[in-house]
Amino acid sequence: MFKRVFGVESHKRVLVCLLNSILKGRPQIETIELENTEIPRDKSEGKDVRLDIKARTPEGTIIAIEIQCINRGEIINRSEFYKSRMMAGEVKEGESYDTIPDIIQIWIADYKATERKNHTNEIVYMYKSNEKEAVEIVTEKYRTFIIELSKIEYKNIHRADMFSVWMMFIKHPEEIPEEFLSIPEVGEAMEELNYLSQDDKFRGEYEARQKIINDENSAITVAREKGIAEGKKEGIVEGKKETAVKLLCRRMSIEDIVEITGLRGEELRDCEKTF
């Protein structure tokens, strides 16, 4: 749905408006050319890359946008992989690495992707502080934005705040106030969204995709909860072992230690070895 609203030639001005609301003049986008979103694998056993939207400014800056609905916990590694694949086709034989264009990646996540409090965070390459120098930006040629929709406040949005308007459109299109639809680009996007919602084939694809997302999110939640439960269980056992070692140091009998800690067999023998 996002690709059909923002990633087609007929709606390029909608995409430009969205990008400017995110980039806030760095750079200011006037026009943009859409490019093939599929980057073929570089070796037979490699991994294909399929972007949601890939575009290029007249100055050569590549802008890639990804919508993430499932929290796989790999957004940073994935963005670096995508970036490297986008770079690969930019340098021809005999050319300098200076020919690699600026690359801006924008990840819009429908979940909590970071532990940071702000809803939008920009990542660039930086030197860590050391004994002689403070943190310093290495380069801004490669910038990554992570936008977390769940951290945005959608109440009291003003018409002039186009970033919040667009994020509300993406997250809660059914709640867009009528006054926002008079903004030409937003009105155009909503018209396309309404058209798609009435297309039976598209609705079928959307509902099937939504079921996959719901099922995968449910599986991830179950796996995470199971991992937490197992982690708690392991923590309890380790705590009992620490207690057993302390009791052994105090020359308490094995029978009493078993009664107090509940440890038996191999677990108790591990404590005796430590002692």
C-alpha atoms as a PDB file:
ATOM      1  CA  MET A   1       0.000   0.000   0.000  1.00  0.00           C
ATOM      2  CA  PHE A   2       2.840   2.368   0.893  1.00  0.00           C
ATOM      3  CA  LYS A   3       4.571   1.636  -2.407  1.00  0.00           C
ATOM      4  CA  ARG A   4       1.370   2.183  -4.399  1.00  0.00           C
ATOM      5  CA  VAL A   5       0.727   5.547  -2.744  1.00  0.00           C
ATOM      6  CA  PHE A   6       4.272   6.950  -2.605  1.00  0.00           C
ATOM      7  CA  GLY A   7       6.412   4.878  -4.971  1.00  0.00           C
ATOM      8  CA  VAL A   8       4.872   5.303  -8.427  1.00  0.00           C
ATOM      9  CA  GLU A   9       5.582   7.864 -11.148  1.00  0.00           C
ATOM     10  CA  SER A  10       2.101   9.348 -11.015  1.00  0.00           C
ATOM     11  CA  HIS A  11       2.545  10.290  -7.333  1.00  0.00           C
ATOM     12  CA  LYS A  12       6.117  11.574  -7.295  1.00  0.00           C
ATOM     13  CA  ARG A  13       5.107  14.936  -5.845  1.00  0.00           C
ATOM     14  CA  VAL A  14       3.553  13.054  -2.913  1.00  0.00           C
ATOM     15  CA  LEU A  15       6.886  11.315  -2.319  1.00  0.00           C
ATOM     16  CA  VAL A  16       8.790  14.615  -2.593  1.00  0.00           C
ATOM     17  CA  CYS A  17       6.500  16.168   0.020  1.00  0.00           C
ATOM     18  CA  LEU A  18       7.013  13.203   2.368  1.00  0.00           C
ATOM     19  CA  LEU A  19      10.796  13.324   1.958  1.00  0.00           C
ATOM     20  CA  ASN A  20      10.992  17.053   2.621  1.00  0.00           C
ATOM     21  CA  SER A  21       8.965  16.620   5.804  1.00  0.00           C
ATOM     22  CA  ILE A  22      11.566  14.115   7.043  1.00  0.00           C
ATOM     23  CA  LEU A  23      14.795  15.666   5.751  1.00  0.00           C
ATOM     24  CA  LYS A  24      13.819  19.255   6.647  1.00  0.00           C
ATOM     25  CA  GLY A  25      15.997  20.885   4.010  1.00  0.00           C
ATOM     26  CA  ARG A  26      19.017  18.579   4.303  1.00  0.00           C
ATOM     27  CA  PRO A  27      18.734  18.343   1.349  1.00  0.00           C
ATOM     28  CA  GLN A  28      15.669  20.143   0.048  1.00  0.00           C
ATOM     29  CA  ILE A  29      14.105  17.936  -2.616  1.00  0.00           C
ATOM     30  CA  GLU A  30      12.697  19.620  -5.706  1.00  0.00           C
ATOM     31  CA  THR A  31      12.361  16.617  -7.973  1.00  0.00           C
ATOM     32  CA  ILE A  32      13.306  12.967  -7.838  1.00  0.00           C
ATOM     33  CA  GLU A  33      13.624   9.984 -10.156  1.00  0.00           C
ATOM     34  CA  LEU A  34      12.327   6.598  -9.094  1.00  0.00           C
ATOM     35  CA  GLU A  35      14.655   3.647  -9.631  1.00  0.00           C
ATOM     36  CA  ASN A  36      14.369  -0.133  -9.698  1.00  0.00           C
ATOM     37  CA  THR A  37      13.787  -1.330  -6.153  1.00  0.00           C
ATOM     38  CA  GLU A  38      15.311  -4.782  -6.720  1.00  0.00           C
ATOM     39  CA  ILE A  39      19.078  -5.164  -6.252  1.00  0.00           C
ATOM     40  CA  PRO A  40      20.099  -8.626  -7.539  1.00  0.00           C
ATOM     41  CA  ARG A  41      22.400 -10.813  -5.466  1.00  0.00           C
ATOM     42  CA  ASP A  42      26.113 -10.386  -6.194  1.00  0.00           C
ATOM     43  CA  LYS A  43      26.803 -14.135  -6.031  1.00  0.00           C
ATOM     44  CA  SER A  44      24.802 -17.291  -6.566  1.00  0.00           C
ATOM     45  CA  GLU A  45      24.412 -17.999  -2.848  1.00  0.00           C
ATOM     46  CA  GLY A  46      23.947 -14.355  -1.925  1.00  0.00           C
ATOM     47  CA  LYS A  47      20.818 -12.590  -0.698  1.00  0.00           C
ATOM     48  CA  ASP A  48      18.487 -10.525  -2.854  1.00  0.00           C
ATOM     49  CA  VAL A  49      17.574  -7.016  -1.744  1.00  0.00           C
ATOM     50  CA  ARG A  50      14.141  -5.593  -2.516  1.00  0.00           C
ATOM     51  CA  LEU A  51      13.607  -2.041  -1.310  1.00  0.00           C
ATOM     52  CA  ASP A  52      10.176  -0.482  -0.810  1.00  0.00           C
ATOM     53  CA  ILE A  53      11.170   2.755  -2.548  1.00  0.00           C
ATOM     54  CA  LYS A  54      14.452   3.765  -4.162  1.00  0.00           C
ATOM     55  CA  ALA A  55      14.902   7.178  -5.740  1.00  0.00           C
ATOM     56  CA  ARG A  56      17.671   9.535  -6.798  1.00  0.00           C
ATOM     57  CA  THR A  57      17.938  13.316  -6.743  1.00  0.00           C
ATOM     58  CA  PRO A  58      19.359  15.296  -9.701  1.00  0.00           C
ATOM     59  CA  GLU A  59      22.532  15.737  -7.610  1.00  0.00           C
ATOM     60  CA  GLY A  60      22.914  11.966  -7.438  1.00  0.00           C
ATOM     61  CA  THR A  61      21.877  11.334  -3.819  1.00  0.00           C
ATOM     62  CA  ILE A  62      20.231   7.942  -3.403  1.00  0.00           C
ATOM     63  CA  ILE A  63      17.236   7.811  -1.072  1.00  0.00           C
ATOM     64  CA  ALA A  64      15.800   4.476   0.035  1.00  0.00           C
ATOM     65  CA  ILE A  65      12.676   4.092   2.148  1.00  0.00           C
ATOM     66  CA  GLU A  66      11.689   0.936   4.019  1.00  0.00           C
ATOM     67  CA  ILE A  67       8.499   0.248   5.942  1.00  0.00           C
ATOM     68  CA  GLN A  68       8.912  -2.308   8.736  1.00  0.00           C
ATOM     69  CA  CYS A  69       5.844  -3.884  10.370  1.00  0.00           C
ATOM     70  CA  ILE A  70       7.602  -6.801  12.090  1.00  0.00           C
ATOM     71  CA  ASN A  71      10.243  -6.388  14.770  1.00  0.00           C
ATOM     72  CA  ARG A  72      12.992  -8.839  13.892  1.00  0.00           C
ATOM     73  CA  GLY A  73      15.542  -6.898  15.936  1.00  0.00           C
ATOM     74  CA  GLU A  74      17.932  -6.482  13.021  1.00  0.00           C
ATOM     75  CA  ILE A  75      17.218  -3.028  11.637  1.00  0.00           C
ATOM     76  CA  ILE A  76      20.799  -1.739  12.031  1.00  0.00           C
ATOM     77  CA  ASN A  77      22.487  -4.770  10.474  1.00  0.00           C
ATOM     78  CA  ARG A  78      19.909  -4.839   7.720  1.00  0.00           C
ATOM     79  CA  SER A  79      20.377  -1.158   6.899  1.00  0.00           C
ATOM     80  CA  GLU A  80      24.152  -1.623   6.666  1.00  0.00           C
ATOM     81  CA  PHE A  81      23.701  -4.601   4.353  1.00  0.00           C
ATOM     82  CA  TYR A  82      21.313  -2.677   2.118  1.00  0.00           C
ATOM     83  CA  LYS A  83      23.684   0.268   2.046  1.00  0.00           C
ATOM     84  CA  SER A  84      26.611  -1.888   0.954  1.00  0.00           C
ATOM     85  CA  ARG A  85      24.534  -3.419  -1.829  1.00  0.00           C
ATOM     86  CA  MET A  86      23.463   0.007  -3.059  1.00  0.00           C
ATOM     87  CA  MET A  87      27.095   1.135  -3.084  1.00  0.00           C
ATOM     88  CA  ALA A  88      28.274  -1.904  -5.028  1.00  0.00           C
ATOM     89  CA  GLY A  89      26.785  -0.854  -8.346  1.00  0.00           C
ATOM     90  CA  GLU A  90      27.910   2.740  -8.132  1.00  0.00           C
ATOM     91  CA  VAL A  91      31.678   2.371  -8.688  1.00  0.00           C
ATOM     92  CA  LYS A  92      32.779   1.274 -12.142  1.00  0.00           C
ATOM     93  CA  GLU A  93      36.135  -0.266 -12.977  1.00  0.00           C
ATOM     94  CA  GLY A  94      38.875   2.341 -12.868  1.00  0.00           C
ATOM     95  CA  GLU A  95      36.758   4.896 -10.984  1.00  0.00           C
ATOM     96  CA  SER A  96      37.605   6.439  -7.627  1.00  0.00           C
ATOM     97  CA  TYR A  97      35.609   5.582  -4.531  1.00  0.00           C
ATOM     98  CA  ASP A  98      34.773   9.285  -4.416  1.00  0.00           C
ATOM     99  CA  THR A  99      32.169   8.529  -7.084  1.00  0.00           C
ATOM    100  CA  ILE A 100      29.997   6.737  -4.520  1.00  0.00           C
ATOM    101  CA  PRO A 101      26.967   9.042  -4.079  1.00  0.00           C
ATOM    102  CA  ASP A 102      25.445  10.194  -0.832  1.00  0.00           C
ATOM    103  CA  ILE A 103      23.008   7.578   0.494  1.00  0.00           C
ATOM    104  CA  ILE A 104      20.069   8.358   2.755  1.00  0.00           C
ATOM    105  CA  GLN A 105      18.104   5.481   4.230  1.00  0.00           C
ATOM    106  CA  ILE A 106      14.757   6.041   5.923  1.00  0.00           C
ATOM    107  CA  TRP A 107      13.262   3.249   8.022  1.00  0.00           C
ATOM    108  CA  ILE A 108       9.681   3.722   9.198  1.00  0.00           C
ATOM    109  CA  ALA A 109       8.989   1.147  11.924  1.00  0.00           C
ATOM    110  CA  ASP A 110       5.546   0.267  13.233  1.00  0.00           C
ATOM    111  CA  TYR A 111       7.045  -0.909  16.529  1.00  0.00           C
ATOM    112  CA  LYS A 112       9.582   0.121  19.160  1.00  0.00           C
ATOM    113  CA  ALA A 113      12.849  -0.244  17.243  1.00  0.00           C
ATOM    114  CA  THR A 114      15.213   1.517  19.678  1.00  0.00           C
ATOM    115  CA  GLU A 115      15.471   2.338  23.370  1.00  0.00           C
ATOM    116  CA  ARG A 116      15.751   6.046  22.576  1.00  0.00           C
ATOM    117  CA  LYS A 117      12.955   8.379  23.667  1.00  0.00           C
ATOM    118  CA  ASN A 118      12.594  10.459  20.516  1.00  0.00           C
ATOM    119  CA  HIS A 119      10.494   9.128  17.662  1.00  0.00           C
ATOM    120  CA  THR A 120      13.059  10.031  14.980  1.00  0.00           C
ATOM    121  CA  ASN A 121      16.770   9.329  15.236  1.00  0.00           C
ATOM    122  CA  GLU A 122      19.463   9.973  12.643  1.00  0.00           C
ATOM    123  CA  ILE A 123      22.567   7.804  12.441  1.00  0.00           C
ATOM    124  CA  VAL A 124      25.857   8.849  10.824  1.00  0.00           C
ATOM    125  CA  TYR A 125      29.360   7.447  11.078  1.00  0.00           C
ATOM    126  CA  MET A 126      31.196   8.870  14.080  1.00  0.00           C
ATOM    127  CA  TYR A 127      34.509   8.556  15.866  1.00  0.00           C
ATOM    128  CA  LYS A 128      34.117   7.434  19.466  1.00  0.00           C
ATOM    129  CA  SER A 129      35.620   9.630  22.129  1.00  0.00           C
ATOM    130  CA  ASN A 130      39.110   8.710  23.298  1.00  0.00           C
ATOM    131  CA  GLU A 131      41.663  10.098  25.724  1.00  0.00           C
ATOM    132  CA  LYS A 132      42.454  13.101  23.519  1.00  0.00           C
ATOM    133  CA  GLU A 133      39.362  13.766  21.412  1.00  0.00           C
ATOM    134  CA  ALA A 134      35.613  13.957  21.877  1.00  0.00           C
ATOM    135  CA  VAL A 135      32.960  12.371  19.678  1.00  0.00           C
ATOM    136  CA  GLU A 136      33.319  13.602  16.109  1.00  0.00           C
ATOM    137  CA  ILE A 137      31.313  13.036  12.928  1.00  0.00           C
ATOM    138  CA  VAL A 138      33.384  11.196  10.309  1.00  0.00           C
ATOM    139  CA  THR A 139      31.051  11.782   7.368  1.00  0.00           C
ATOM    140  CA  GLU A 140      27.424  12.571   6.600  1.00  0.00           C
ATOM    141  CA  LYS A 141      27.530  10.950   3.168  1.00  0.00           C
ATOM    142  CA  TYR A 142      25.737   7.933   4.626  1.00  0.00           C
ATOM    143  CA  ARG A 143      22.767   8.847   6.791  1.00  0.00           C
ATOM    144  CA  THR A 144      20.124   6.563   8.251  1.00  0.00           C
ATOM    145  CA  PHE A 145      16.848   7.719   9.782  1.00  0.00           C
ATOM    146  CA  ILE A 146      14.832   5.448  12.064  1.00  0.00           C
ATOM    147  CA  ILE A 147      11.268   6.673  12.606  1.00  0.00           C
ATOM    148  CA  GLU A 148       9.208   4.854  15.246  1.00  0.00           C
ATOM    149  CA  LEU A 149       5.509   5.416  14.640  1.00  0.00           C
ATOM    150  CA  SER A 150       4.530   4.178  18.107  1.00  0.00           C
ATOM    151  CA  LYS A 151       6.426   7.058  19.769  1.00  0.00           C
ATOM    152  CA  ILE A 152       4.710   9.867  17.858  1.00  0.00           C
ATOM    153  CA  GLU A 153       1.997  11.917  19.552  1.00  0.00           C
ATOM    154  CA  TYR A 154      -0.889  12.108  17.070  1.00  0.00           C
ATOM    155  CA  LYS A 155      -3.034  14.579  19.008  1.00  0.00           C
ATOM    156  CA  ASN A 156      -3.135  18.324  18.340  1.00  0.00           C
ATOM    157  CA  ILE A 157      -1.250  18.047  15.044  1.00  0.00           C
ATOM    158  CA  HIS A 158      -0.977  21.339  13.179  1.00  0.00           C
ATOM    159  CA  ARG A 159      -1.363  21.650   9.453  1.00  0.00           C
ATOM    160  CA  ALA A 160       2.108  23.196   9.162  1.00  0.00           C
ATOM    161  CA  ASP A 161       3.740  20.163  10.782  1.00  0.00           C
ATOM    162  CA  MET A 162       3.922  18.077   7.624  1.00  0.00           C
ATOM    163  CA  PHE A 163       6.055  15.383   9.242  1.00  0.00           C
ATOM    164  CA  SER A 164       3.347  14.589  11.810  1.00  0.00           C
ATOM    165  CA  VAL A 165       0.647  14.869   9.142  1.00  0.00           C
ATOM    166  CA  TRP A 166       2.387  12.258   6.979  1.00  0.00           C
ATOM    167  CA  MET A 167       3.144   9.941   9.882  1.00  0.00           C
ATOM    168  CA  MET A 168      -0.515  10.118  10.897  1.00  0.00           C
ATOM    169  CA  PHE A 169      -1.483   9.318   7.304  1.00  0.00           C
ATOM    170  CA  ILE A 170       0.764   6.245   7.371  1.00  0.00           C
ATOM    171  CA  LYS A 171      -0.267   5.062  10.837  1.00  0.00           C
ATOM    172  CA  HIS A 172      -3.903   6.198  11.141  1.00  0.00           C
ATOM    173  CA  PRO A 173      -5.211   7.256   7.693  1.00  0.00           C
ATOM    174  CA  GLU A 174      -8.809   6.826   8.859  1.00  0.00           C
ATOM    175  CA  GLU A 175      -8.274   9.578  11.458  1.00  0.00           C
ATOM    176  CA  ILE A 176      -6.881  12.255   9.123  1.00  0.00           C
ATOM    177  CA  PRO A 177      -8.859  15.487   9.743  1.00  0.00           C
ATOM    178  CA  GLU A 178     -10.702  16.946   6.780  1.00  0.00           C
ATOM    179  CA  GLU A 179      -8.602  20.120   6.902  1.00  0.00           C
ATOM    180  CA  PHE A 180      -5.437  18.120   6.125  1.00  0.00           C
ATOM    181  CA  LEU A 181      -7.004  16.712   2.969  1.00  0.00           C
ATOM    182  CA  SER A 182      -6.976  20.213   1.484  1.00  0.00           C
ATOM    183  CA  ILE A 183      -3.178  19.957   1.358  1.00  0.00           C
ATOM    184  CA  PRO A 184      -2.769  18.917  -2.312  1.00  0.00           C
ATOM    185  CA  GLU A 185      -0.270  16.108  -1.735  1.00  0.00           C
ATOM    186  CA  VAL A 186      -2.190  14.647   1.217  1.00  0.00           C
ATOM    187  CA  GLY A 187      -5.459  14.838  -0.690  1.00  0.00           C
ATOM    188  CA  GLU A 188      -3.849  13.047  -3.636  1.00  0.00           C
ATOM    189  CA  ALA A 189      -2.455  10.333  -1.374  1.00  0.00           C
ATOM    190  CA  MET A 190      -5.833   9.813   0.308  1.00  0.00           C
ATOM    191  CA  GLU A 191      -7.594   9.612  -3.047  1.00  0.00           C
ATOM    192  CA  GLU A 192      -5.218   6.838  -4.131  1.00  0.00           C
ATOM    193  CA  LEU A 193      -5.643   5.050  -0.804  1.00  0.00           C
ATOM    194  CA  ASN A 194      -9.432   5.152  -1.150  1.00  0.00           C
ATOM    195  CA  TYR A 195      -9.141   3.821  -4.692  1.00  0.00           C
ATOM    196  CA  LEU A 196      -6.961   0.926  -3.552  1.00  0.00           C
ATOM    197  CA  SER A 197      -9.299   0.074  -0.679  1.00  0.00           C
ATOM    198  CA  GLN A 198     -12.123  -0.450  -3.189  1.00  0.00           C
ATOM    199  CA  ASP A 199     -10.056  -2.760  -5.406  1.00  0.00           C
ATOM    200  CA  ASP A 200     -11.065  -6.350  -4.544  1.00  0.00           C
ATOM    201  CA  LYS A 201      -7.790  -7.862  -5.784  1.00  0.00           C
ATOM    202  CA  PHE A 202      -5.701  -5.382  -3.839  1.00  0.00           C
ATOM    203  CA  ARG A 203      -7.796  -5.824  -0.691  1.00  0.00           C
ATOM    204  CA  GLY A 204      -7.309  -9.578  -0.936  1.00  0.00           C
ATOM    205  CA  GLU A 205      -3.533  -9.144  -1.211  1.00  0.00           C
ATOM    206  CA  TYR A 206      -3.567  -6.655   1.664  1.00  0.00           C
ATOM    207  CA  GLU A 207      -5.574  -8.931   3.956  1.00  0.00           C
ATOM    208  CA  ALA A 208      -3.345 -11.905   3.145  1.00  0.00           C
ATOM    209  CA  ARG A 209      -0.252  -9.847   3.908  1.00  0.00           C
ATOM    210  CA  GLN A 210      -1.811  -8.560   7.130  1.00  0.00           C
ATOM    211  CA  LYS A 211      -2.452 -12.137   8.257  1.00  0.00           C
ATOM    212  CA  ILE A 212       1.210 -13.013   7.630  1.00  0.00           C
ATOM    213  CA  ILE A 213       2.319  -9.978   9.651  1.00  0.00           C
ATOM    214  CA  ASN A 214      -0.037 -10.825  12.530  1.00  0.00           C
ATOM    215  CA  ASP A 215       1.057 -14.474  12.561  1.00  0.00           C
ATOM    216  CA  GLU A 216       4.756 -13.593  12.495  1.00  0.00           C
ATOM    217  CA  ASN A 217       4.394 -10.950  15.210  1.00  0.00           C
ATOM    218  CA  SER A 218       2.533 -13.489  17.335  1.00  0.00           C
ATOM    219  CA  ALA A 219       5.270 -16.098  16.799  1.00  0.00           C
ATOM    220  CA  ILE A 220       7.973 -13.582  17.715  1.00  0.00           C
ATOM    221  CA  THR A 221       6.084 -12.585  20.889  1.00  0.00           C
ATOM    222  CA  VAL A 222       5.695 -16.222  21.951  1.00  0.00           C
ATOM    223  CA  ALA A 223       9.386 -16.923  21.282  1.00  0.00           C
ATOM    224  CA  ARG A 224      10.436 -13.816  23.214  1.00  0.00           C
ATOM    225  CA  GLU A 225       8.219 -14.673  26.193  1.00  0.00           C
ATOM    226  CA  LYS A 226       9.541 -18.240  26.184  1.00  0.00           C
ATOM    227  CA  GLY A 227      13.092 -16.913  26.139  1.00  0.00           C
ATOM    228  CA  ILE A 228      12.358 -14.578  29.048  1.00  0.00           C
ATOM    229  CA  ALA A 229      10.772 -17.412  31.027  1.00  0.00           C
ATOM    230  CA  GLU A 230      13.761 -19.661  30.366  1.00  0.00           C
ATOM    231  CA  GLY A 231      16.097 -16.832  31.316  1.00  0.00           C
ATOM    232  CA  LYS A 232      14.251 -16.332  34.612  1.00  0.00           C
ATOM    233  CA  LYS A 233      14.424 -20.068  35.310  1.00  0.00           C
ATOM    234  CA  GLU A 234      18.179 -20.099  34.663  1.00  0.00           C
ATOM    235  CA  GLY A 235      18.582 -17.060  36.912  1.00  0.00           C
ATOM    236  CA  ILE A 236      16.740 -18.785  39.760  1.00  0.00           C
ATOM    237  CA  VAL A 237      18.962 -21.863  39.445  1.00  0.00           C
ATOM    238  CA  GLU A 238      22.116 -19.732  39.445  1.00  0.00           C
ATOM    239  CA  GLY A 239      20.882 -17.943  42.565  1.00  0.00           C
ATOM    240  CA  LYS A 240      20.330 -21.259  44.316  1.00  0.00           C
ATOM    241  CA  LYS A 241      23.830 -22.386  43.353  1.00  0.00           C
ATOM    242  CA  GLU A 242      25.343 -19.232  44.836  1.00  0.00           C
ATOM    243  CA  THR A 243      23.434 -19.875  48.058  1.00  0.00           C
ATOM    244  CA  ALA A 244      24.593 -23.507  48.120  1.00  0.00           C
ATOM    245  CA  VAL A 245      28.249 -22.474  47.767  1.00  0.00           C
ATOM    246  CA  LYS A 246      27.895 -20.046  50.675  1.00  0.00           C
ATOM    247  CA  LEU A 247      26.324 -22.750  52.819  1.00  0.00           C
ATOM    248  CA  LEU A 248      29.112 -25.179  51.918  1.00  0.00           C
ATOM    249  CA  CYS A 249      31.627 -22.554  53.023  1.00  0.00           C
ATOM    250  CA  ARG A 250      29.864 -22.532  56.379  1.00  0.00           C
ATOM    251  CA  ARG A 251      30.277 -26.334  56.608  1.00  0.00           C
ATOM    252  CA  MET A 252      26.550 -26.985  56.468  1.00  0.00           C
ATOM    253  CA  SER A 253      25.563 -30.589  55.760  1.00  0.00           C
ATOM    254  CA  ILE A 254      24.601 -31.669  52.260  1.00  0.00           C
ATOM    255  CA  GLU A 255      21.204 -32.814  53.514  1.00  0.00           C
ATOM    256  CA  ASP A 256      20.420 -29.354  54.912  1.00  0.00           C
ATOM    257  CA  ILE A 257      21.641 -27.634  51.721  1.00  0.00           C
ATOM    258  CA  VAL A 258      19.385 -29.880  49.634  1.00  0.00           C
ATOM    259  CA  GLU A 259      16.438 -29.033  51.852  1.00  0.00           C
ATOM    260  CA  ILE A 260      17.113 -25.274  51.724  1.00  0.00           C
ATOM    261  CA  THR A 261      17.984 -24.867  48.027  1.00  0.00           C
ATOM    262  CA  GLY A 262      16.210 -27.796  46.418  1.00  0.00           C
ATOM    263  CA  LEU A 263      19.352 -28.518  44.369  1.00  0.00           C
ATOM    264  CA  ARG A 264      20.181 -32.130  43.691  1.00  0.00           C
ATOM    265  CA  GLY A 265      22.423 -34.296  41.559  1.00  0.00           C
ATOM    266  CA  GLU A 266      24.606 -32.574  38.970  1.00  0.00           C
ATOM    267  CA  GLU A 267      23.605 -29.057  40.042  1.00  0.00           C
ATOM    268  CA  LEU A 268      24.743 -29.720  43.596  1.00  0.00           C
ATOM    269  CA  ARG A 269      27.946 -31.407  42.414  1.00  0.00           C
ATOM    270  CA  ASP A 270      28.765 -28.255  40.404  1.00  0.00           C
ATOM    271  CA  CYS A 271      28.569 -26.270  43.647  1.00  0.00           C
ATOM    272  CA  GLU A 272      30.852 -28.734  45.429  1.00  0.00           C
ATOM    273  CA  LYS A 273      33.427 -28.365  42.645  1.00  0.00           C
ATOM    274  CA  THR A 274      33.295 -24.578  43.026  1.00  0.00           C
ATOM    275  CA  PHE A 275      33.672 -24.912  46.777  1.00  0.00           C
END
